[in-house]
């Protein structure tokens, strides 16, 4: 049971949270549909959204894909993978910025 302190009283927020997750997940699932239908790439789902939507994601994805063609990262690993992904994104972004600032430094010799 999730609750929050509102006006000095403890109030259940389970239904509110579930409604928000449902609304956001429908938008996400609509955007994912072309990837699911394409069928050539291996799909990996990680992060907070994948944790919250693991059951719904599995149902949706398994309709279009074999279980061997996707991975929903377990919640125990999701934060570690997100940190690694964030580090790689920052490193790649910095490298691209350096290349734009000094194009001759990245040319093969």
Protein backbone atom coordinates (compact mmCIF):
# COMPACT_ATOMS: atom_id res chain seq x y z
CA UNK A 1 0.00 0.00 0.00
CA UNK A 2 1.43 3.34 -1.05
CA UNK A 3 0.39 6.41 0.89
CA UNK A 4 1.27 10.05 1.17
CA UNK A 5 0.80 12.73 3.78
CA UNK A 6 -1.85 15.15 2.49
CA UNK A 7 -3.23 17.88 4.72
CA UNK A 8 -1.71 16.19 7.75
CA UNK A 9 -3.49 12.90 7.03
CA UNK A 10 -2.10 9.71 5.57
CA UNK A 11 -3.87 9.11 2.23
CA UNK A 12 -3.67 6.09 -0.07
CA UNK A 13 -2.31 6.94 -3.50
CA UNK A 14 -2.29 3.46 -5.08
CA UNK A 15 -5.19 4.26 -7.41
CA UNK A 16 -3.73 7.61 -8.45
CA UNK A 17 -0.34 6.06 -9.20
CA UNK A 18 -1.96 3.18 -11.12
CA UNK A 19 -3.95 5.65 -13.25
CA UNK A 20 -0.84 7.66 -14.11
CA UNK A 21 1.12 4.50 -14.97
CA UNK A 22 -1.73 3.25 -17.16
CA UNK A 23 -2.01 6.55 -19.06
CA UNK A 24 1.74 6.85 -19.61
CA UNK A 25 2.13 3.21 -20.57
CA UNK A 26 -0.47 3.46 -23.33
CA UNK A 27 1.53 6.27 -24.93
CA UNK A 28 4.75 4.27 -24.61
CA UNK A 29 3.19 1.11 -26.03
CA UNK A 30 1.83 3.02 -29.01
CA UNK A 31 5.30 4.36 -29.79
CA UNK A 32 6.84 0.88 -29.36
CA UNK A 33 4.49 -0.90 -31.73
CA UNK A 34 6.59 -0.36 -34.91
CA UNK A 35 9.65 -1.84 -33.14
CA UNK A 36 7.66 -4.86 -32.04
CA UNK A 37 6.31 -5.44 -35.53
CA UNK A 38 9.70 -5.04 -37.20
CA UNK A 39 10.96 -8.23 -35.55
CA UNK A 40 14.63 -8.02 -36.61
CA UNK A 41 16.24 -6.37 -33.61
CA UNK A 42 16.74 -7.69 -30.09
CA UNK A 43 14.82 -5.50 -27.64
CA UNK A 44 16.04 -4.71 -24.13
CA UNK A 45 13.85 -2.92 -21.61
CA UNK A 46 15.52 -1.38 -18.58
CA UNK A 47 14.97 1.45 -16.14
CA UNK A 48 12.16 2.73 -13.97
CA UNK A 49 9.54 2.40 -16.67
CA UNK A 50 10.47 -1.22 -17.33
CA UNK A 51 10.28 -1.97 -13.63
CA UNK A 52 6.85 -0.38 -13.22
CA UNK A 53 5.51 -1.87 -16.44
CA UNK A 54 7.22 -5.28 -16.41
CA UNK A 55 3.98 -7.27 -16.41
CA UNK A 56 2.29 -5.17 -19.08
CA UNK A 57 5.47 -5.03 -21.17
CA UNK A 58 5.82 -8.80 -21.10
CA UNK A 59 2.20 -9.32 -22.19
CA UNK A 60 2.46 -6.80 -25.02
CA UNK A 61 5.86 -7.86 -26.32
CA UNK A 62 5.26 -11.61 -26.10
CA UNK A 63 2.25 -11.25 -28.42
CA UNK A 64 4.53 -10.07 -31.24
CA UNK A 65 7.90 -11.58 -30.26
CA UNK A 66 9.44 -14.86 -29.13
CA UNK A 67 10.78 -14.70 -25.56
CA UNK A 68 14.32 -15.19 -26.98
CA UNK A 69 14.06 -11.91 -28.91
CA UNK A 70 13.66 -9.55 -25.95
CA UNK A 71 14.83 -9.00 -22.39
CA UNK A 72 13.13 -7.15 -19.57
CA UNK A 73 15.99 -6.42 -17.22
CA UNK A 74 15.30 -7.57 -13.65
CA UNK A 75 14.77 -4.76 -11.18
CA UNK A 76 17.93 -5.79 -9.27
CA UNK A 77 20.09 -4.93 -12.29
CA UNK A 78 18.16 -2.00 -13.77
CA UNK A 79 19.82 0.80 -11.77
CA UNK A 80 23.32 -0.53 -12.49
CA UNK A 81 22.61 -0.77 -16.23
CA UNK A 82 21.08 2.72 -16.22
CA UNK A 83 24.22 4.10 -14.56
CA UNK A 84 26.45 2.39 -17.13
CA UNK A 85 24.24 3.64 -19.97
CA UNK A 86 24.33 7.18 -18.57
CA UNK A 87 28.12 7.05 -18.36
CA UNK A 88 28.44 5.80 -21.96
CA UNK A 89 26.00 8.48 -23.17
CA UNK A 90 27.97 11.21 -21.39
CA UNK A 91 31.26 9.90 -22.79
CA UNK A 92 29.88 9.69 -26.34
CA UNK A 93 28.36 13.17 -26.10
CA UNK A 94 31.67 14.61 -24.86
CA UNK A 95 33.56 12.89 -27.70
CA UNK A 96 31.17 14.29 -30.32
CA UNK A 97 31.47 17.77 -28.81
CA UNK A 98 35.27 17.55 -28.94
CA UNK A 99 35.10 16.42 -32.58
CA UNK A 100 32.93 19.43 -33.48
CA UNK A 101 35.23 21.82 -31.63
CA UNK A 102 38.42 20.45 -33.18
CA UNK A 103 37.72 18.33 -36.28
CA UNK A 104 41.38 18.00 -37.25
CA UNK A 105 42.24 16.28 -33.93
CA UNK A 106 40.01 13.29 -34.80
CA UNK A 107 41.20 12.82 -38.40
CA UNK A 108 43.20 9.63 -39.12
CA UNK A 109 46.93 10.26 -39.54
